[in-house]
Amino acid sequence: MEVEGYAHIAAAAASLLNCPAFGQMVGHLAPSGSLKFDPLVLPHSNHTLQDDLLRLGCTASTVEALLSMYEVAEARLAEHLRSSFGDALAQLATVMDATDRDVSERIHDALRQRLARRYLSTANEVRRRIVGEVSAAKARCSASTA
């Protein structure tokens, strides 16, 4: 092949490598031989929000609305933690390879347990805040009618 042909191939390769879309596409690929892990599965929060709200004397429609808000918050929390989990594993994959499998699995398990605990504690905190707000609103209402 003549020099002109090589120059054309080199220019095309440089153009491809400098293309932002190509960089993004390659950035999302897992390194060869990278470790594979199951996605983060979070435990059920087994919240008592409905019972707590009924005990406070909330109407069925209020309970339904507050439960819906809680479930949206819980879903957003789960999405955030799953994303954090994936990001952490991606960062881990950049510094470890298949020869570090035992260490990677221990880190993976510790991270999985930590995020599950965080999910449960944060979901419980959201539930407690909702109950606290309802209790405070009920107290204000009682004070204003007394």
N, C-alpha and C. Protein backbone atom coordinates (compact mmCIF):
# COMPACT_ATOMS: atom_id res chain seq x y z
N MET A 1 0.86 -1.17 0.00
CA MET A 1 0.00 0.00 0.00
C MET A 1 0.90 1.23 0.00
N GLU A 2 0.52 2.21 -0.72
CA GLU A 2 1.30 3.43 -0.82
C GLU A 2 1.10 4.28 0.42
N VAL A 3 2.02 5.19 0.64
CA VAL A 3 2.00 6.09 1.79
C VAL A 3 0.68 6.85 1.84
N GLU A 4 0.16 7.22 0.70
CA GLU A 4 -1.09 7.95 0.63
C GLU A 4 -2.24 7.14 1.24
N GLY A 5 -2.25 5.83 0.99
CA GLY A 5 -3.28 4.95 1.54
C GLY A 5 -3.18 4.84 3.06
N TYR A 6 -1.95 4.71 3.57
CA TYR A 6 -1.74 4.65 5.02
C TYR A 6 -2.14 5.96 5.69
N ALA A 7 -1.83 7.05 5.05
CA ALA A 7 -2.19 8.36 5.60
C ALA A 7 -3.70 8.50 5.69
N HIS A 8 -4.39 8.01 4.69
CA HIS A 8 -5.86 8.07 4.69
C HIS A 8 -6.43 7.22 5.83
N ILE A 9 -5.89 6.02 6.02
CA ILE A 9 -6.35 5.13 7.11
C ILE A 9 -6.04 5.77 8.46
N ALA A 10 -4.86 6.34 8.61
CA ALA A 10 -4.48 6.98 9.87
C ALA A 10 -5.39 8.16 10.18
N ALA A 11 -5.72 8.95 9.16
CA ALA A 11 -6.61 10.10 9.36
C ALA A 11 -8.01 9.64 9.75
N ALA A 12 -8.49 8.58 9.12
CA ALA A 12 -9.82 8.06 9.47
C ALA A 12 -9.84 7.51 10.89
N ALA A 13 -8.77 6.81 11.28
CA ALA A 13 -8.70 6.27 12.64
C ALA A 13 -8.63 7.39 13.66
N ALA A 14 -7.84 8.43 13.39
CA ALA A 14 -7.74 9.57 14.30
C ALA A 14 -9.09 10.26 14.43
N SER A 15 -9.79 10.41 13.33
CA SER A 15 -11.11 11.04 13.35
C SER A 15 -12.08 10.24 14.21
N LEU A 16 -12.05 8.92 14.06
CA LEU A 16 -12.93 8.07 14.86
C LEU A 16 -12.59 8.16 16.34
N LEU A 17 -11.31 8.10 16.67
CA LEU A 17 -10.89 8.14 18.07
C LEU A 17 -11.20 9.48 18.73
N ASN A 18 -11.24 10.55 17.95
CA ASN A 18 -11.53 11.87 18.50
C ASN A 18 -13.02 12.18 18.55
N CYS A 19 -13.83 11.31 18.02
CA CYS A 19 -15.29 11.52 18.01
C CYS A 19 -15.85 11.33 19.42
N PRO A 20 -16.54 12.34 19.99
CA PRO A 20 -17.09 12.20 21.35
C PRO A 20 -18.03 11.01 21.51
N ALA A 21 -18.83 10.73 20.50
CA ALA A 21 -19.77 9.60 20.60
C ALA A 21 -19.01 8.29 20.73
N PHE A 22 -17.90 8.16 20.01
CA PHE A 22 -17.09 6.94 20.11
C PHE A 22 -16.50 6.82 21.51
N GLY A 23 -16.01 7.93 22.06
CA GLY A 23 -15.45 7.91 23.41
C GLY A 23 -16.47 7.50 24.45
N GLN A 24 -17.69 8.00 24.31
CA GLN A 24 -18.75 7.63 25.25
C GLN A 24 -19.10 6.16 25.11
N MET A 25 -19.17 5.68 23.89
CA MET A 25 -19.52 4.28 23.66
C MET A 25 -18.46 3.36 24.25
N VAL A 26 -17.20 3.67 24.01
CA VAL A 26 -16.11 2.85 24.53
C VAL A 26 -16.05 2.96 26.05
N GLY A 27 -16.37 4.14 26.59
CA GLY A 27 -16.34 4.33 28.04
C GLY A 27 -17.33 3.46 28.77
N HIS A 28 -18.40 3.05 28.10
CA HIS A 28 -19.42 2.21 28.74
C HIS A 28 -19.12 0.73 28.63
N LEU A 29 -18.11 0.36 27.88
CA LEU A 29 -17.77 -1.05 27.75
C LEU A 29 -17.00 -1.52 28.97
N ALA A 30 -17.29 -2.72 29.42
CA ALA A 30 -16.53 -3.30 30.53
C ALA A 30 -15.17 -3.72 30.00
N PRO A 31 -14.11 -3.54 30.83
CA PRO A 31 -12.81 -3.99 30.39
C PRO A 31 -12.82 -5.50 30.17
N SER A 32 -12.01 -5.96 29.22
CA SER A 32 -11.98 -7.40 28.96
C SER A 32 -11.51 -8.12 30.20
N GLY A 33 -12.15 -9.23 30.50
CA GLY A 33 -11.79 -10.00 31.69
C GLY A 33 -12.26 -9.36 32.98
N SER A 34 -13.13 -8.34 32.88
CA SER A 34 -13.58 -7.67 34.09
C SER A 34 -14.51 -8.58 34.87
N LEU A 35 -14.63 -8.26 36.13
CA LEU A 35 -15.46 -9.07 37.03
C LEU A 35 -16.93 -8.76 36.78
N LYS A 36 -17.76 -9.74 36.89
CA LYS A 36 -19.20 -9.59 36.70
C LYS A 36 -19.89 -9.89 38.03
N PHE A 37 -20.84 -9.04 38.41
CA PHE A 37 -21.59 -9.23 39.64
C PHE A 37 -23.07 -9.07 39.37
N ASP A 38 -23.87 -9.69 40.21
CA ASP A 38 -25.32 -9.57 40.10
C ASP A 38 -25.73 -8.15 40.49
N PRO A 39 -26.85 -7.67 39.97
CA PRO A 39 -27.33 -6.34 40.35
C PRO A 39 -27.73 -6.31 41.83
N LEU A 40 -27.76 -5.12 42.37
CA LEU A 40 -28.12 -4.93 43.78
C LEU A 40 -29.61 -5.22 43.97
N VAL A 41 -29.92 -6.13 44.86
CA VAL A 41 -31.30 -6.45 45.23
C VAL A 41 -31.50 -5.95 46.65
N LEU A 42 -32.45 -5.05 46.82
CA LEU A 42 -32.68 -4.45 48.13
C LEU A 42 -33.79 -5.19 48.86
N PRO A 43 -33.68 -5.26 50.20
CA PRO A 43 -34.71 -5.96 50.97
C PRO A 43 -36.00 -5.14 51.02
N HIS A 44 -37.09 -5.80 51.33
CA HIS A 44 -38.36 -5.10 51.53
C HIS A 44 -38.27 -4.30 52.82
N SER A 45 -38.80 -3.09 52.80
CA SER A 45 -38.71 -2.25 54.00
C SER A 45 -39.70 -2.67 55.08
N ASN A 46 -40.74 -3.41 54.70
CA ASN A 46 -41.75 -3.86 55.67
C ASN A 46 -42.20 -2.73 56.58
N HIS A 47 -42.45 -1.58 55.97
CA HIS A 47 -42.83 -0.42 56.76
C HIS A 47 -44.22 -0.58 57.37
N THR A 48 -44.46 0.21 58.41
CA THR A 48 -45.75 0.18 59.11
C THR A 48 -46.50 1.49 58.89
N LEU A 49 -46.19 2.19 57.83
CA LEU A 49 -46.75 3.52 57.62
C LEU A 49 -48.27 3.51 57.60
N GLN A 50 -48.87 2.59 56.89
CA GLN A 50 -50.33 2.56 56.82
C GLN A 50 -50.94 2.40 58.21
N ASP A 51 -50.44 1.46 58.99
CA ASP A 51 -50.96 1.26 60.34
C ASP A 51 -50.74 2.50 61.20
N ASP A 52 -49.56 3.12 61.07
CA ASP A 52 -49.26 4.32 61.84
C ASP A 52 -50.23 5.45 61.51
N LEU A 53 -50.51 5.63 60.22
CA LEU A 53 -51.41 6.71 59.80
C LEU A 53 -52.85 6.44 60.24
N LEU A 54 -53.27 5.19 60.15
CA LEU A 54 -54.62 4.84 60.61
C LEU A 54 -54.74 5.06 62.11
N ARG A 55 -53.69 4.72 62.84
CA ARG A 55 -53.68 4.91 64.29
C ARG A 55 -53.79 6.40 64.65
N LEU A 56 -53.25 7.26 63.78
CA LEU A 56 -53.33 8.70 64.01
C LEU A 56 -54.68 9.28 63.58
N GLY A 57 -55.54 8.45 62.99
CA GLY A 57 -56.88 8.89 62.61
C GLY A 57 -56.97 9.49 61.22
N CYS A 58 -56.02 9.19 60.35
CA CYS A 58 -56.07 9.71 58.98
C CYS A 58 -57.19 9.03 58.20
N THR A 59 -57.76 9.77 57.28
CA THR A 59 -58.79 9.20 56.42
C THR A 59 -58.14 8.26 55.40
N ALA A 60 -58.97 7.44 54.78
CA ALA A 60 -58.46 6.49 53.79
C ALA A 60 -57.77 7.22 52.63
N SER A 61 -58.34 8.34 52.19
CA SER A 61 -57.73 9.07 51.07
C SER A 61 -56.39 9.70 51.47
N THR A 62 -56.29 10.16 52.71
CA THR A 62 -55.02 10.71 53.20
C THR A 62 -53.98 9.62 53.30
N VAL A 63 -54.38 8.47 53.83
CA VAL A 63 -53.46 7.33 53.94
C VAL A 63 -52.97 6.94 52.55
N GLU A 64 -53.89 6.87 51.60
CA GLU A 64 -53.52 6.48 50.23
C GLU A 64 -52.53 7.48 49.63
N ALA A 65 -52.79 8.78 49.82
CA ALA A 65 -51.91 9.81 49.25
C ALA A 65 -50.52 9.77 49.90
N LEU A 66 -50.48 9.62 51.21
CA LEU A 66 -49.19 9.59 51.90
C LEU A 66 -48.42 8.30 51.59
N LEU A 67 -49.12 7.19 51.47
CA LEU A 67 -48.46 5.94 51.07
C LEU A 67 -47.87 6.06 49.67
N SER A 68 -48.61 6.71 48.79
CA SER A 68 -48.12 6.91 47.42
C SER A 68 -46.85 7.76 47.43
N MET A 69 -46.84 8.83 48.21
CA MET A 69 -45.65 9.67 48.32
C MET A 69 -44.47 8.87 48.88
N TYR A 70 -44.75 8.08 49.89
CA TYR A 70 -43.70 7.26 50.50
C TYR A 70 -43.13 6.27 49.49
N GLU A 71 -43.99 5.63 48.73
CA GLU A 71 -43.54 4.64 47.75
C GLU A 71 -42.70 5.28 46.64
N VAL A 72 -43.04 6.50 46.25
CA VAL A 72 -42.22 7.22 45.26
C VAL A 72 -40.85 7.52 45.85
N ALA A 73 -40.82 7.99 47.10
CA ALA A 73 -39.54 8.28 47.75
C ALA A 73 -38.71 7.01 47.89
N GLU A 74 -39.35 5.92 48.24
CA GLU A 74 -38.66 4.64 48.40
C GLU A 74 -38.09 4.16 47.06
N ALA A 75 -38.84 4.33 45.99
CA ALA A 75 -38.37 3.93 44.65
C ALA A 75 -37.20 4.79 44.20
N ARG A 76 -37.26 6.09 44.48
CA ARG A 76 -36.14 6.97 44.12
C ARG A 76 -34.89 6.62 44.92
N LEU A 77 -35.07 6.31 46.18
CA LEU A 77 -33.94 5.90 47.02
C LEU A 77 -33.32 4.63 46.46
N ALA A 78 -34.14 3.65 46.12
CA ALA A 78 -33.64 2.39 45.58
C ALA A 78 -32.88 2.63 44.27
N GLU A 79 -33.43 3.49 43.42
CA GLU A 79 -32.77 3.80 42.14
C GLU A 79 -31.41 4.46 42.38
N HIS A 80 -31.36 5.39 43.32
CA HIS A 80 -30.11 6.07 43.65
C HIS A 80 -29.06 5.09 44.17
N LEU A 81 -29.47 4.20 45.07
CA LEU A 81 -28.53 3.24 45.64
C LEU A 81 -28.06 2.24 44.60
N ARG A 82 -28.94 1.81 43.73
CA ARG A 82 -28.51 0.89 42.66
C ARG A 82 -27.52 1.57 41.72
N SER A 83 -27.76 2.82 41.43
CA SER A 83 -26.83 3.58 40.59
C SER A 83 -25.48 3.73 41.28
N SER A 84 -25.50 4.05 42.57
CA SER A 84 -24.26 4.17 43.34
C SER A 84 -23.51 2.85 43.36
N PHE A 85 -24.25 1.77 43.49
CA PHE A 85 -23.66 0.43 43.51
C PHE A 85 -22.96 0.15 42.18
N GLY A 86 -23.67 0.43 41.09
CA GLY A 86 -23.09 0.21 39.77
C GLY A 86 -21.86 1.07 39.53
N ASP A 87 -21.92 2.34 39.97
CA ASP A 87 -20.77 3.23 39.81
C ASP A 87 -19.58 2.73 40.61
N ALA A 88 -19.83 2.29 41.84
CA ALA A 88 -18.74 1.79 42.68
C ALA A 88 -18.11 0.55 42.07
N LEU A 89 -18.93 -0.35 41.54
CA LEU A 89 -18.39 -1.56 40.91
C LEU A 89 -17.61 -1.21 39.64
N ALA A 90 -18.07 -0.22 38.91
CA ALA A 90 -17.35 0.20 37.70
C ALA A 90 -15.98 0.76 38.06
N GLN A 91 -15.94 1.55 39.13
CA GLN A 91 -14.65 2.09 39.59
C GLN A 91 -13.74 0.97 40.08
N LEU A 92 -14.32 0.02 40.78
CA LEU A 92 -13.55 -1.12 41.26
C LEU A 92 -12.97 -1.91 40.09
N ALA A 93 -13.75 -2.06 39.05
CA ALA A 93 -13.30 -2.83 37.88
C ALA A 93 -12.11 -2.18 37.19
N THR A 94 -11.96 -0.86 37.35
CA THR A 94 -10.83 -0.20 36.70
C THR A 94 -9.51 -0.48 37.39
N VAL A 95 -9.55 -0.89 38.65
CA VAL A 95 -8.30 -1.13 39.38
C VAL A 95 -8.08 -2.59 39.71
N MET A 96 -9.05 -3.43 39.44
CA MET A 96 -8.92 -4.85 39.75
C MET A 96 -9.23 -5.67 38.51
N ASP A 97 -8.70 -6.87 38.48
CA ASP A 97 -9.01 -7.77 37.37
C ASP A 97 -9.40 -9.13 37.93
N ALA A 98 -9.54 -10.10 37.06
CA ALA A 98 -10.02 -11.43 37.47
C ALA A 98 -9.10 -12.09 38.48
N THR A 99 -7.83 -11.72 38.52
CA THR A 99 -6.92 -12.32 39.50
C THR A 99 -7.22 -11.84 40.92
N ASP A 100 -7.93 -10.72 41.04
CA ASP A 100 -8.30 -10.17 42.35
C ASP A 100 -9.71 -10.59 42.75
N ARG A 101 -10.20 -11.68 42.21
CA ARG A 101 -11.60 -12.08 42.39
C ARG A 101 -12.00 -12.19 43.87
N ASP A 102 -11.18 -12.81 44.72
CA ASP A 102 -11.55 -12.97 46.13
C ASP A 102 -11.72 -11.62 46.82
N VAL A 103 -10.78 -10.73 46.60
CA VAL A 103 -10.86 -9.40 47.20
C VAL A 103 -12.07 -8.66 46.65
N SER A 104 -12.28 -8.74 45.36
CA SER A 104 -13.42 -8.07 44.73
C SER A 104 -14.74 -8.58 45.28
N GLU A 105 -14.85 -9.87 45.49
CA GLU A 105 -16.09 -10.44 46.03
C GLU A 105 -16.34 -9.96 47.46
N ARG A 106 -15.29 -9.87 48.26
CA ARG A 106 -15.47 -9.37 49.64
C ARG A 106 -15.91 -7.90 49.63
N ILE A 107 -15.28 -7.12 48.78
CA ILE A 107 -15.68 -5.71 48.67
C ILE A 107 -17.12 -5.61 48.16
N HIS A 108 -17.45 -6.39 47.17
CA HIS A 108 -18.80 -6.42 46.60
C HIS A 108 -19.83 -6.78 47.67
N ASP A 109 -19.56 -7.83 48.44
CA ASP A 109 -20.49 -8.25 49.49
C ASP A 109 -20.63 -7.18 50.57
N ALA A 110 -19.51 -6.58 50.98
CA ALA A 110 -19.57 -5.52 52.00
C ALA A 110 -20.37 -4.33 51.49
N LEU A 111 -20.15 -3.96 50.24
CA LEU A 111 -20.88 -2.84 49.66
C LEU A 111 -22.37 -3.16 49.55
N ARG A 112 -22.69 -4.37 49.14
CA ARG A 112 -24.09 -4.80 49.05
C ARG A 112 -24.78 -4.72 50.42
N GLN A 113 -24.12 -5.21 51.46
CA GLN A 113 -24.69 -5.18 52.81
C GLN A 113 -24.84 -3.74 53.30
N ARG A 114 -23.84 -2.91 53.04
CA ARG A 114 -23.87 -1.52 53.49
C ARG A 114 -25.03 -0.77 52.82
N LEU A 115 -25.20 -0.97 51.53
CA LEU A 115 -26.27 -0.27 50.83
C LEU A 115 -27.65 -0.79 51.22
N ALA A 116 -27.76 -2.07 51.53
CA ALA A 116 -29.04 -2.61 52.01
C ALA A 116 -29.40 -2.00 53.37
N ARG A 117 -28.41 -1.88 54.25
CA ARG A 117 -28.66 -1.25 55.56
C ARG A 117 -29.04 0.22 55.39
N ARG A 118 -28.35 0.90 54.49
CA ARG A 118 -28.65 2.31 54.25
C ARG A 118 -30.06 2.46 53.70
N TYR A 119 -30.46 1.57 52.81
CA TYR A 119 -31.80 1.61 52.24
C TYR A 119 -32.85 1.48 53.35
N LEU A 120 -32.67 0.47 54.20
CA LEU A 120 -33.65 0.25 55.27
C LEU A 120 -33.68 1.41 56.26
N SER A 121 -32.52 1.92 56.64
CA SER A 121 -32.51 3.01 57.62
C SER A 121 -33.08 4.30 57.03
N THR A 122 -32.78 4.58 55.77
CA THR A 122 -33.31 5.80 55.14
C THR A 122 -34.81 5.67 54.91
N ALA A 123 -35.27 4.51 54.47
CA ALA A 123 -36.71 4.30 54.27
C ALA A 123 -37.44 4.46 55.60
N ASN A 124 -36.86 3.94 56.67
CA ASN A 124 -37.48 4.08 57.99
C ASN A 124 -37.49 5.54 58.44
N GLU A 125 -36.43 6.27 58.14
CA GLU A 125 -36.39 7.69 58.49
C GLU A 125 -37.47 8.47 57.74
N VAL A 126 -37.68 8.16 56.48
CA VAL A 126 -38.74 8.82 55.70
C VAL A 126 -40.10 8.51 56.32
N ARG A 127 -40.32 7.24 56.70
CA ARG A 127 -41.58 6.86 57.34
C ARG A 127 -41.77 7.64 58.64
N ARG A 128 -40.72 7.72 59.45
CA ARG A 128 -40.83 8.44 60.73
C ARG A 128 -41.11 9.93 60.51
N ARG A 129 -40.52 10.51 59.48
CA ARG A 129 -40.76 11.93 59.20
C ARG A 129 -42.20 12.17 58.78
N ILE A 130 -42.74 11.29 57.96
CA ILE A 130 -44.14 11.43 57.55
C ILE A 130 -45.05 11.34 58.77
N VAL A 131 -44.83 10.35 59.60
CA VAL A 131 -45.64 10.19 60.81
C VAL A 131 -45.47 11.41 61.72
N GLY A 132 -44.25 11.91 61.83
CA GLY A 132 -44.00 13.10 62.65
C GLY A 132 -44.73 14.32 62.13
N GLU A 133 -44.73 14.51 60.81
CA GLU A 133 -45.44 15.65 60.21
C GLU A 133 -46.95 15.53 60.42
N VAL A 134 -47.48 14.33 60.28
CA VAL A 134 -48.92 14.13 60.49
C VAL A 134 -49.27 14.39 61.96
N SER A 135 -48.45 13.89 62.87
CA SER A 135 -48.69 14.12 64.30
C SER A 135 -48.65 15.60 64.63
N ALA A 136 -47.66 16.31 64.08
CA ALA A 136 -47.54 17.75 64.33
C ALA A 136 -48.73 18.51 63.75
N ALA A 137 -49.16 18.13 62.54
CA ALA A 137 -50.32 18.78 61.92
C ALA A 137 -51.58 18.54 62.73
N LYS A 138 -51.72 17.32 63.23
CA LYS A 138 -52.89 16.99 64.05
C LYS A 138 -52.88 17.80 65.34
N ALA A 139 -51.70 17.96 65.95
CA ALA A 139 -51.59 18.74 67.18
C ALA A 139 -51.90 20.22 66.91
N ARG A 140 -51.43 20.76 65.80
CA ARG A 140 -51.73 22.15 65.46
C ARG A 140 -53.23 22.34 65.23
N CYS A 141 -53.84 21.38 64.57
CA CYS A 141 -55.27 21.45 64.29
C CYS A 141 -56.07 21.40 65.60
N SER A 142 -55.67 20.51 66.49
CA SER A 142 -56.35 20.39 67.79
C SER A 142 -56.19 21.66 68.60
N ALA A 143 -55.00 22.26 68.55
CA ALA A 143 -54.74 23.49 69.32
C ALA A 143 -55.54 24.66 68.77
N SER A 144 -55.73 24.71 67.46
CA SER A 144 -56.45 25.84 66.86
C SER A 144 -57.96 25.74 67.08
N THR A 145 -58.47 24.54 67.30
CA THR A 145 -59.91 24.37 67.51
C THR A 145 -60.27 24.36 68.99
N ALA A 146 -59.27 24.38 69.85
CA ALA A 146 -59.54 24.33 71.29
C ALA A 146 -59.84 25.69 71.84
